[in-house]
Amino acid sequence: MVFRYLLPLLLLLNACVKNNPDPSWLQVNAWTLEANASLNGEEGELTHNITDAWVYIDDKLIGVFEVPFKIPVLKDGPCNIRIYPTIKINGVSATKMKNEHMVPYEVNETLIKNQTLTLNPVTHYKDGLSFWIEDFEDINIKLTDDPNTSSAHLNLANDSLKWFNGNYYAKVQLTAQDSMWIAYTNQDQQLSIPKGKQAVLEIDYCNSLDFTHYLLFVNSNGTNENIMRTMRQSPLNALRWKKIYILLSEVIGYGPNNTNYVQAFKAFYDSAISNNLILIDNLKVVYFP
């Protein structure tokens, strides 16, 4: 379910607070993503960019808010609070979605007028999920440079590790001579993802150069290329690791049956940038089988 902003609801809520000067207050801090013990580490590194919370109190939608937040609630007494981890689809702030792969945070608490209830929401990946992961910790990398078209190459690097990088991440350096990078998941890593169920590609990345993700349809009729998202460059003096969630299921839903899906990437040298750099880690396709 996709959420497209709650301005009318927020205006109504503010108006109600003015007419009722004694609301309860709910403060929700940033999300924590924990391991699910039953998955035995299959979910890979626990990086996340859960930016928002979809909030229900006693099964009534209160709204969708960017964490952390503090809101007035026109209710007091014992209640059930359920908060869903919410992500930006394809990195777009205006369109947000419950992450159906993660469990909601749920508590029974008591709201008190003129007092603040503070919650620190925790979530984890659900049981029964399928994961395809390339974390670049093994020399048998599942992401392969196209031998016919790619002059730039993906290499393992570890010169600026963060906690989530493990021992290595992928590094692509483009130059005037090595001016094109095209790579795709190996043929033996093709995925068959059911239609009608949420499927998301997660990517940790750091880049001074634009690069684009494609979803390839591979079947008996050949290969079709679907542009999914371009990761926009950051200035060299402001490079930082970011995370994006790319929604695959909508495109898959319109695709042909009996199709496998390959993740692909493409970038081109930009002479206006002194250091054409792309770093990638923790590629993760998450879906319900």
C-alpha atoms as a PDB file:
ATOM      1  CA  MET A   1       0.000   0.000   0.000  1.00  0.00           C
ATOM      2  CA  VAL A   2       1.495   3.347  -1.029  1.00  0.00           C
ATOM      3  CA  PHE A   3       0.952   6.475   1.065  1.00  0.00           C
ATOM      4  CA  ARG A   4       0.638   9.885  -0.607  1.00  0.00           C
ATOM      5  CA  TYR A   5       0.774  12.646   1.886  1.00  0.00           C
ATOM      6  CA  LEU A   6      -1.434  13.414   4.839  1.00  0.00           C
ATOM      7  CA  LEU A   7      -1.617  17.212   4.726  1.00  0.00           C
ATOM      8  CA  PRO A   8      -5.440  17.369   5.053  1.00  0.00           C
ATOM      9  CA  LEU A   9      -5.367  14.968   7.995  1.00  0.00           C
ATOM     10  CA  LEU A  10      -2.576  16.897   9.712  1.00  0.00           C
ATOM     11  CA  LEU A  11      -4.443  20.189   9.286  1.00  0.00           C
ATOM     12  CA  LEU A  12      -7.526  18.594  10.805  1.00  0.00           C
ATOM     13  CA  LEU A  13      -5.488  17.202  13.664  1.00  0.00           C
ATOM     14  CA  ASN A  14      -3.954  20.624  14.405  1.00  0.00           C
ATOM     15  CA  ALA A  15      -7.391  22.233  14.350  1.00  0.00           C
ATOM     16  CA  CYS A  16      -8.699  19.631  16.771  1.00  0.00           C
ATOM     17  CA  VAL A  17      -5.782  20.270  19.154  1.00  0.00           C
ATOM     18  CA  LYS A  18      -6.619  23.970  19.236  1.00  0.00           C
ATOM     19  CA  ASN A  19     -10.175  23.100  20.270  1.00  0.00           C
ATOM     20  CA  ASN A  20      -8.944  20.542  22.785  1.00  0.00           C
ATOM     21  CA  PRO A  21      -6.024  22.015  24.745  1.00  0.00           C
ATOM     22  CA  ASP A  22      -5.330  18.836  26.701  1.00  0.00           C
ATOM     23  CA  PRO A  23      -4.116  16.145  24.295  1.00  0.00           C
ATOM     24  CA  SER A  24      -1.866  13.246  25.120  1.00  0.00           C
ATOM     25  CA  TRP A  25       1.482  13.263  23.343  1.00  0.00           C
ATOM     26  CA  LEU A  26       3.225  10.458  21.468  1.00  0.00           C
ATOM     27  CA  GLN A  27       6.929  10.655  20.726  1.00  0.00           C
ATOM     28  CA  VAL A  28       8.456   8.067  18.405  1.00  0.00           C
ATOM     29  CA  ASN A  29      12.219   7.905  17.961  1.00  0.00           C
ATOM     30  CA  ALA A  30      14.295   6.418  15.137  1.00  0.00           C
ATOM     31  CA  TRP A  31      13.857   2.787  14.121  1.00  0.00           C
ATOM     32  CA  THR A  32      16.161  -0.059  15.122  1.00  0.00           C
ATOM     33  CA  LEU A  33      16.462  -3.074  12.798  1.00  0.00           C
ATOM     34  CA  GLU A  34      17.372  -6.209  14.708  1.00  0.00           C
ATOM     35  CA  ALA A  35      18.273  -9.719  13.599  1.00  0.00           C
ATOM     36  CA  ASN A  36      15.556 -12.360  13.402  1.00  0.00           C
ATOM     37  CA  ALA A  37      17.040 -15.365  15.195  1.00  0.00           C
ATOM     38  CA  SER A  38      14.928 -17.805  13.181  1.00  0.00           C
ATOM     39  CA  LEU A  39      16.543 -16.594   9.928  1.00  0.00           C
ATOM     40  CA  ASN A  40      20.020 -17.640  11.132  1.00  0.00           C
ATOM     41  CA  GLY A  41      21.696 -14.661   9.510  1.00  0.00           C
ATOM     42  CA  GLU A  42      20.104 -15.198   6.090  1.00  0.00           C
ATOM     43  CA  GLU A  43      19.012 -11.531   6.028  1.00  0.00           C
ATOM     44  CA  GLY A  44      22.616 -10.318   5.695  1.00  0.00           C
ATOM     45  CA  GLU A  45      23.855  -7.007   7.082  1.00  0.00           C
ATOM     46  CA  LEU A  46      21.221  -5.060   9.004  1.00  0.00           C
ATOM     47  CA  THR A  47      21.627  -1.696   7.310  1.00  0.00           C
ATOM     48  CA  HIS A  48      18.396   0.225   6.899  1.00  0.00           C
ATOM     49  CA  ASN A  49      16.873   3.530   5.886  1.00  0.00           C
ATOM     50  CA  ILE A  50      13.486   3.252   7.586  1.00  0.00           C
ATOM     51  CA  THR A  51      12.615   6.926   7.525  1.00  0.00           C
ATOM     52  CA  ASP A  52       8.963   6.955   8.558  1.00  0.00           C
ATOM     53  CA  ALA A  53       6.307   5.323  10.694  1.00  0.00           C
ATOM     54  CA  TRP A  54       2.734   4.428   9.786  1.00  0.00           C
ATOM     55  CA  VAL A  55       0.891   4.811  13.123  1.00  0.00           C
ATOM     56  CA  TYR A  56      -2.315   3.144  14.297  1.00  0.00           C
ATOM     57  CA  ILE A  57      -3.914   3.560  17.711  1.00  0.00           C
ATOM     58  CA  ASP A  58      -6.634   1.033  18.530  1.00  0.00           C
ATOM     59  CA  ASP A  59      -6.696   0.074  14.832  1.00  0.00           C
ATOM     60  CA  LYS A  60      -7.371   3.657  13.699  1.00  0.00           C
ATOM     61  CA  LEU A  61      -4.886   5.320  11.375  1.00  0.00           C
ATOM     62  CA  ILE A  62      -3.325   8.381  13.005  1.00  0.00           C
ATOM     63  CA  GLY A  63      -0.997   9.204  10.117  1.00  0.00           C
ATOM     64  CA  VAL A  64       2.397   8.655   8.549  1.00  0.00           C
ATOM     65  CA  PHE A  65       5.256  10.627  10.056  1.00  0.00           C
ATOM     66  CA  GLU A  66       8.983  10.980   9.542  1.00  0.00           C
ATOM     67  CA  VAL A  67      10.947   9.697  12.527  1.00  0.00           C
ATOM     68  CA  PRO A  68      11.695  11.019  15.027  1.00  0.00           C
ATOM     69  CA  PHE A  69       8.450  12.872  15.711  1.00  0.00           C
ATOM     70  CA  LYS A  70       6.178  14.072  18.496  1.00  0.00           C
ATOM     71  CA  ILE A  71       2.458  14.385  17.846  1.00  0.00           C
ATOM     72  CA  PRO A  72      -0.655  15.242  19.869  1.00  0.00           C
ATOM     73  CA  VAL A  73      -3.191  12.449  20.255  1.00  0.00           C
ATOM     74  CA  LEU A  74      -6.834  13.173  21.073  1.00  0.00           C
ATOM     75  CA  LYS A  75      -7.135  10.115  23.273  1.00  0.00           C
ATOM     76  CA  ASP A  76      -6.154   9.042  26.768  1.00  0.00           C
ATOM     77  CA  GLY A  77      -6.243   5.837  28.741  1.00  0.00           C
ATOM     78  CA  PRO A  78      -5.123   2.296  27.859  1.00  0.00           C
ATOM     79  CA  CYS A  79      -4.671   1.683  24.129  1.00  0.00           C
ATOM     80  CA  ASN A  80      -2.951  -0.483  21.548  1.00  0.00           C
ATOM     81  CA  ILE A  81      -0.293   1.261  19.445  1.00  0.00           C
ATOM     82  CA  ARG A  82       0.929  -0.366  16.251  1.00  0.00           C
ATOM     83  CA  ILE A  83       3.687   1.231  14.197  1.00  0.00           C
ATOM     84  CA  TYR A  84       4.716  -0.012  10.737  1.00  0.00           C
ATOM     85  CA  PRO A  85       8.231   0.479   9.363  1.00  0.00           C
ATOM     86  CA  THR A  86       7.837   2.747   6.337  1.00  0.00           C
ATOM     87  CA  ILE A  87      10.311   3.394   3.508  1.00  0.00           C
ATOM     88  CA  LYS A  88      10.633   5.794   0.618  1.00  0.00           C
ATOM     89  CA  ILE A  89       9.932   4.004  -2.647  1.00  0.00           C
ATOM     90  CA  ASN A  90      12.895   4.385  -5.016  1.00  0.00           C
ATOM     91  CA  GLY A  91      14.198   7.146  -2.763  1.00  0.00           C
ATOM     92  CA  VAL A  92      11.258   9.474  -3.500  1.00  0.00           C
ATOM     93  CA  SER A  93      10.170  11.396  -0.397  1.00  0.00           C
ATOM     94  CA  ALA A  94       6.622  12.050  -1.599  1.00  0.00           C
ATOM     95  CA  THR A  95       5.781   8.361  -1.981  1.00  0.00           C
ATOM     96  CA  LYS A  96       6.090   6.091   1.026  1.00  0.00           C
ATOM     97  CA  MET A  97       5.256   2.460   1.612  1.00  0.00           C
ATOM     98  CA  LYS A  98       4.915   0.060   4.488  1.00  0.00           C
ATOM     99  CA  ASN A  99       7.807  -2.368   4.271  1.00  0.00           C
ATOM    100  CA  GLU A 100       5.838  -5.617   4.252  1.00  0.00           C
ATOM    101  CA  HIS A 101       9.045  -7.593   4.781  1.00  0.00           C
ATOM    102  CA  MET A 102       9.429  -6.230   8.316  1.00  0.00           C
ATOM    103  CA  VAL A 103       7.217  -6.783  11.362  1.00  0.00           C
ATOM    104  CA  PRO A 104       5.315  -3.857  12.897  1.00  0.00           C
ATOM    105  CA  TYR A 105       6.196  -2.602  16.345  1.00  0.00           C
ATOM    106  CA  GLU A 106       3.243  -3.092  18.691  1.00  0.00           C
ATOM    107  CA  VAL A 107       2.711  -2.184  22.345  1.00  0.00           C
ATOM    108  CA  ASN A 108      -0.138  -1.774  24.811  1.00  0.00           C
ATOM    109  CA  GLU A 109       0.364   1.453  26.723  1.00  0.00           C
ATOM    110  CA  THR A 110      -1.548   4.153  28.581  1.00  0.00           C
ATOM    111  CA  LEU A 111      -1.830   7.654  27.163  1.00  0.00           C
ATOM    112  CA  ILE A 112      -2.171  10.443  29.733  1.00  0.00           C
ATOM    113  CA  LYS A 113      -3.363  13.967  28.978  1.00  0.00           C
ATOM    114  CA  ASN A 114      -0.574  16.548  28.863  1.00  0.00           C
ATOM    115  CA  GLN A 115       2.064  13.831  29.217  1.00  0.00           C
ATOM    116  CA  THR A 116       4.366  12.319  26.594  1.00  0.00           C
ATOM    117  CA  LEU A 117       4.659   8.616  25.879  1.00  0.00           C
ATOM    118  CA  THR A 118       8.035   7.890  24.244  1.00  0.00           C
ATOM    119  CA  LEU A 119       8.544   4.809  22.092  1.00  0.00           C
ATOM    120  CA  ASN A 120      11.710   3.414  20.525  1.00  0.00           C
ATOM    121  CA  PRO A 121      10.392   1.197  17.722  1.00  0.00           C
ATOM    122  CA  VAL A 122      12.193  -2.028  16.865  1.00  0.00           C
ATOM    123  CA  THR A 123      11.588  -4.281  13.881  1.00  0.00           C
ATOM    124  CA  HIS A 124      13.080  -7.299  12.108  1.00  0.00           C
ATOM    125  CA  TYR A 125      12.621  -9.175   8.846  1.00  0.00           C
ATOM    126  CA  LYS A 126       9.694 -11.603   8.846  1.00  0.00           C
ATOM    127  CA  ASP A 127       9.950 -15.372   8.795  1.00  0.00           C
ATOM    128  CA  GLY A 128       9.517 -17.117   5.460  1.00  0.00           C
ATOM    129  CA  LEU A 129      11.241 -14.509   3.277  1.00  0.00           C
ATOM    130  CA  SER A 130      13.654 -15.245   0.462  1.00  0.00           C
ATOM    131  CA  PHE A 131      16.895 -13.287   0.162  1.00  0.00           C
ATOM    132  CA  TRP A 132      19.349 -12.879  -2.682  1.00  0.00           C
ATOM    133  CA  ILE A 133      22.459 -11.150  -1.347  1.00  0.00           C
ATOM    134  CA  GLU A 134      25.749  -9.947  -2.780  1.00  0.00           C
ATOM    135  CA  ASP A 135      27.845  -8.440   0.008  1.00  0.00           C
ATOM    136  CA  PHE A 136      31.181  -8.671  -1.839  1.00  0.00           C
ATOM    137  CA  GLU A 137      32.785 -10.743   0.909  1.00  0.00           C
ATOM    138  CA  ASP A 138      33.610 -13.616  -1.454  1.00  0.00           C
ATOM    139  CA  ILE A 139      35.839 -13.596  -4.548  1.00  0.00           C
ATOM    140  CA  ASN A 140      33.030 -15.420  -6.387  1.00  0.00           C
ATOM    141  CA  ILE A 141      31.119 -12.198  -6.999  1.00  0.00           C
ATOM    142  CA  LYS A 142      27.590 -12.560  -8.373  1.00  0.00           C
ATOM    143  CA  LEU A 143      27.789  -9.203 -10.187  1.00  0.00           C
ATOM    144  CA  THR A 144      29.776  -9.480 -13.424  1.00  0.00           C
ATOM    145  CA  ASP A 145      31.145  -6.790 -15.739  1.00  0.00           C
ATOM    146  CA  ASP A 146      29.833  -7.199 -19.283  1.00  0.00           C
ATOM    147  CA  PRO A 147      32.898  -8.528 -21.149  1.00  0.00           C
ATOM    148  CA  ASN A 148      31.709  -7.119 -24.489  1.00  0.00           C
ATOM    149  CA  THR A 149      30.810  -3.548 -23.545  1.00  0.00           C
ATOM    150  CA  SER A 150      32.238  -2.614 -20.127  1.00  0.00           C
ATOM    151  CA  SER A 151      35.663  -0.964 -20.206  1.00  0.00           C
ATOM    152  CA  ALA A 152      35.553  -0.076 -16.487  1.00  0.00           C
ATOM    153  CA  HIS A 153      35.659  -2.888 -13.964  1.00  0.00           C
ATOM    154  CA  LEU A 154      34.266  -3.708 -10.559  1.00  0.00           C
ATOM    155  CA  ASN A 155      36.901  -4.530  -7.940  1.00  0.00           C
ATOM    156  CA  LEU A 156      36.836  -5.369  -4.275  1.00  0.00           C
ATOM    157  CA  ALA A 157      38.075  -2.590  -1.974  1.00  0.00           C
ATOM    158  CA  ASN A 158      38.458  -1.995   1.760  1.00  0.00           C
ATOM    159  CA  ASP A 159      40.111   1.408   2.059  1.00  0.00           C
ATOM    160  CA  SER A 160      37.219   3.169   3.808  1.00  0.00           C
ATOM    161  CA  LEU A 161      35.259   0.477   5.614  1.00  0.00           C
ATOM    162  CA  LYS A 162      32.166   1.211   7.658  1.00  0.00           C
ATOM    163  CA  TRP A 163      30.633  -1.177  10.173  1.00  0.00           C
ATOM    164  CA  PHE A 164      28.249  -2.571   7.568  1.00  0.00           C
ATOM    165  CA  ASN A 165      30.893  -3.180   4.890  1.00  0.00           C
ATOM    166  CA  GLY A 166      32.292  -6.331   6.467  1.00  0.00           C
ATOM    167  CA  ASN A 167      35.746  -6.814   4.966  1.00  0.00           C
ATOM    168  CA  TYR A 168      35.087  -5.534   1.441  1.00  0.00           C
ATOM    169  CA  TYR A 169      32.756  -3.560  -0.803  1.00  0.00           C
ATOM    170  CA  ALA A 170      32.609  -3.091  -4.581  1.00  0.00           C
ATOM    171  CA  LYS A 171      34.475  -0.180  -6.187  1.00  0.00           C
ATOM    172  CA  VAL A 172      34.185   1.059  -9.770  1.00  0.00           C
ATOM    173  CA  GLN A 173      36.508   3.791 -11.031  1.00  0.00           C
ATOM    174  CA  LEU A 174      35.729   5.292 -14.435  1.00  0.00           C
ATOM    175  CA  THR A 175      38.259   7.272 -16.476  1.00  0.00           C
ATOM    176  CA  ALA A 176      38.433   8.801 -19.944  1.00  0.00           C
ATOM    177  CA  GLN A 177      39.913   5.496 -21.141  1.00  0.00           C
ATOM    178  CA  ASP A 178      37.652   3.228 -19.074  1.00  0.00           C
ATOM    179  CA  SER A 179      34.545   5.267 -19.736  1.00  0.00           C
ATOM    180  CA  MET A 180      31.677   2.771 -19.509  1.00  0.00           C
ATOM    181  CA  TRP A 181      30.587   0.369 -16.802  1.00  0.00           C
ATOM    182  CA  ILE A 182      27.906  -2.244 -17.424  1.00  0.00           C
ATOM    183  CA  ALA A 183      27.394  -5.157 -15.061  1.00  0.00           C
ATOM    184  CA  TYR A 184      24.714  -7.717 -14.290  1.00  0.00           C
ATOM    185  CA  THR A 185      24.069 -10.603 -11.951  1.00  0.00           C
ATOM    186  CA  ASN A 186      25.433 -13.923 -13.182  1.00  0.00           C
ATOM    187  CA  GLN A 187      23.151 -16.148 -15.202  1.00  0.00           C
ATOM    188  CA  ASP A 188      23.105 -18.714 -12.395  1.00  0.00           C
ATOM    189  CA  GLN A 189      21.858 -16.004 -10.043  1.00  0.00           C
ATOM    190  CA  GLN A 190      18.671 -15.205 -11.937  1.00  0.00           C
ATOM    191  CA  LEU A 191      15.632 -14.868  -9.705  1.00  0.00           C
ATOM    192  CA  SER A 192      12.101 -16.082 -10.280  1.00  0.00           C
ATOM    193  CA  ILE A 193       9.942 -13.801  -8.127  1.00  0.00           C
ATOM    194  CA  PRO A 194       6.189 -14.458  -7.809  1.00  0.00           C
ATOM    195  CA  LYS A 195       3.850 -11.738  -9.021  1.00  0.00           C
ATOM    196  CA  GLY A 196       1.538  -9.943  -6.636  1.00  0.00           C
ATOM    197  CA  LYS A 197       3.936  -9.945  -3.693  1.00  0.00           C
ATOM    198  CA  GLN A 198       6.211  -7.161  -2.525  1.00  0.00           C
ATOM    199  CA  ALA A 199       9.767  -7.507  -3.836  1.00  0.00           C
ATOM    200  CA  VAL A 200      12.430  -4.919  -3.049  1.00  0.00           C
ATOM    201  CA  LEU A 201      16.067  -4.428  -3.997  1.00  0.00           C
ATOM    202  CA  GLU A 202      18.137  -2.810  -1.246  1.00  0.00           C
ATOM    203  CA  ILE A 203      21.427  -1.094  -2.128  1.00  0.00           C
ATOM    204  CA  ASP A 204      24.061   0.600   0.023  1.00  0.00           C
ATOM    205  CA  TYR A 205      26.016   3.009  -2.168  1.00  0.00           C
ATOM    206  CA  CYS A 206      28.369   5.989  -2.255  1.00  0.00           C
ATOM    207  CA  ASN A 207      28.916   7.760  -5.571  1.00  0.00           C
ATOM    208  CA  SER A 208      30.351  10.875  -7.172  1.00  0.00           C
ATOM    209  CA  LEU A 209      28.931   9.744 -10.527  1.00  0.00           C
ATOM    210  CA  ASP A 210      25.365   8.909 -11.545  1.00  0.00           C
ATOM    211  CA  PHE A 211      24.714   5.206 -12.054  1.00  0.00           C
ATOM    212  CA  THR A 212      21.511   3.460 -13.088  1.00  0.00           C
ATOM    213  CA  HIS A 213      19.872   0.227 -12.001  1.00  0.00           C
ATOM    214  CA  TYR A 214      17.962  -1.892 -14.514  1.00  0.00           C
ATOM    215  CA  LEU A 215      15.748  -4.930 -14.088  1.00  0.00           C
ATOM    216  CA  LEU A 216      16.229  -7.335 -16.973  1.00  0.00           C
ATOM    217  CA  PHE A 217      13.486  -9.740 -18.023  1.00  0.00           C
ATOM    218  CA  VAL A 218      15.069 -12.943 -19.308  1.00  0.00           C
ATOM    219  CA  ASN A 219      12.898 -15.581 -20.997  1.00  0.00           C
ATOM    220  CA  SER A 220      12.632 -17.662 -24.162  1.00  0.00           C
ATOM    221  CA  ASN A 221      11.939 -14.502 -26.186  1.00  0.00           C
ATOM    222  CA  GLY A 222      15.202 -12.865 -25.170  1.00  0.00           C
ATOM    223  CA  THR A 223      16.051 -10.041 -22.753  1.00  0.00           C
ATOM    224  CA  ASN A 224      14.083  -6.855 -22.054  1.00  0.00           C
ATOM    225  CA  GLU A 225      15.667  -3.937 -20.197  1.00  0.00           C
ATOM    226  CA  ASN A 226      13.621  -1.934 -17.660  1.00  0.00           C
ATOM    227  CA  ILE A 227      15.153   1.228 -16.208  1.00  0.00           C
ATOM    228  CA  MET A 228      14.356   1.302 -12.485  1.00  0.00           C
ATOM    229  CA  ARG A 229      16.281   4.083 -10.761  1.00  0.00           C
ATOM    230  CA  THR A 230      19.294   6.355 -11.217  1.00  0.00           C
ATOM    231  CA  MET A 231      21.371   6.965  -8.091  1.00  0.00           C
ATOM    232  CA  ARG A 232      22.283  10.634  -8.346  1.00  0.00           C
ATOM    233  CA  GLN A 233      25.816  11.789  -7.694  1.00  0.00           C
ATOM    234  CA  SER A 234      27.017  13.567  -4.580  1.00  0.00           C
ATOM    235  CA  PRO A 235      29.765  16.233  -4.579  1.00  0.00           C
ATOM    236  CA  LEU A 236      33.222  14.824  -3.899  1.00  0.00           C
ATOM    237  CA  ASN A 237      33.489  16.891  -0.718  1.00  0.00           C
ATOM    238  CA  ALA A 238      30.203  15.478   0.577  1.00  0.00           C
ATOM    239  CA  LEU A 239      30.418  11.792  -0.290  1.00  0.00           C
ATOM    240  CA  ARG A 240      28.662   9.484   2.158  1.00  0.00           C
ATOM    241  CA  TRP A 241      27.112   6.031   2.174  1.00  0.00           C
ATOM    242  CA  LYS A 242      23.372   5.986   1.490  1.00  0.00           C
ATOM    243  CA  LYS A 243      20.704   3.314   1.220  1.00  0.00           C
ATOM    244  CA  ILE A 244      17.860   3.003  -1.234  1.00  0.00           C
ATOM    245  CA  TYR A 245      14.906   0.635  -1.581  1.00  0.00           C
ATOM    246  CA  ILE A 246      13.951  -0.037  -5.204  1.00  0.00           C
ATOM    247  CA  LEU A 247      10.496  -1.546  -5.635  1.00  0.00           C
ATOM    248  CA  LEU A 248      10.684  -4.418  -8.126  1.00  0.00           C
ATOM    249  CA  SER A 249       7.224  -5.927  -7.732  1.00  0.00           C
ATOM    250  CA  GLU A 250       5.260  -3.325  -9.718  1.00  0.00           C
ATOM    251  CA  VAL A 251       7.420  -3.822 -12.817  1.00  0.00           C
ATOM    252  CA  ILE A 252       7.408  -7.582 -12.342  1.00  0.00           C
ATOM    253  CA  GLY A 253       3.616  -7.514 -12.151  1.00  0.00           C
ATOM    254  CA  TYR A 254       3.409  -6.099 -15.684  1.00  0.00           C
ATOM    255  CA  GLY A 255       6.053  -8.432 -17.068  1.00  0.00           C
ATOM    256  CA  PRO A 256       5.576 -11.678 -18.985  1.00  0.00           C
ATOM    257  CA  ASN A 257       5.070 -14.973 -17.240  1.00  0.00           C
ATOM    258  CA  ASN A 258       7.817 -17.589 -17.026  1.00  0.00           C
ATOM    259  CA  THR A 259      10.455 -14.892 -16.698  1.00  0.00           C
ATOM    260  CA  ASN A 260      13.648 -14.666 -14.675  1.00  0.00           C
ATOM    261  CA  TYR A 261      14.931 -11.342 -13.371  1.00  0.00           C
ATOM    262  CA  VAL A 262      18.493 -10.070 -13.503  1.00  0.00           C
ATOM    263  CA  GLN A 263      19.791  -6.983 -11.697  1.00  0.00           C
ATOM    264  CA  ALA A 264      21.946  -4.765 -13.933  1.00  0.00           C
ATOM    265  CA  PHE A 265      23.881  -1.509 -13.559  1.00  0.00           C
ATOM    266  CA  LYS A 266      25.242   1.061 -15.986  1.00  0.00           C
ATOM    267  CA  ALA A 267      27.376   4.226 -15.703  1.00  0.00           C
ATOM    268  CA  PHE A 268      29.246   6.548 -18.077  1.00  0.00           C
ATOM    269  CA  TYR A 269      32.328   8.683 -17.505  1.00  0.00           C
ATOM    270  CA  ASP A 270      31.717  12.379 -16.826  1.00  0.00           C
ATOM    271  CA  SER A 271      34.668  14.621 -17.693  1.00  0.00           C
ATOM    272  CA  ALA A 272      33.307  17.370 -15.421  1.00  0.00           C
ATOM    273  CA  ILE A 273      33.998  15.203 -12.346  1.00  0.00           C
ATOM    274  CA  SER A 274      37.619  14.824 -11.256  1.00  0.00           C
ATOM    275  CA  ASN A 275      37.064  11.429  -9.637  1.00  0.00           C
ATOM    276  CA  ASN A 276      34.369   9.211 -11.207  1.00  0.00           C
ATOM    277  CA  LEU A 277      33.710   6.879  -8.302  1.00  0.00           C
ATOM    278  CA  ILE A 278      30.988   4.325  -7.485  1.00  0.00           C
ATOM    279  CA  LEU A 279      30.973   2.230  -4.305  1.00  0.00           C
ATOM    280  CA  ILE A 280      28.335  -0.461  -3.724  1.00  0.00           C
ATOM    281  CA  ASP A 281      27.682  -2.907  -0.913  1.00  0.00           C
ATOM    282  CA  ASN A 282      24.993  -5.181   0.484  1.00  0.00           C
ATOM    283  CA  LEU A 283      22.918  -5.727  -2.636  1.00  0.00           C
ATOM    284  CA  LYS A 284      19.855  -7.502  -1.303  1.00  0.00           C
ATOM    285  CA  VAL A 285      16.691  -8.661  -3.095  1.00  0.00           C
ATOM    286  CA  VAL A 286      13.988  -9.432  -0.527  1.00  0.00           C
ATOM    287  CA  TYR A 287      10.761 -11.146  -1.535  1.00  0.00           C
ATOM    288  CA  PHE A 288       8.099 -13.630  -0.499  1.00  0.00           C
ATOM    289  CA  PRO A 289       8.549 -16.944  -2.337  1.00  0.00           C
END
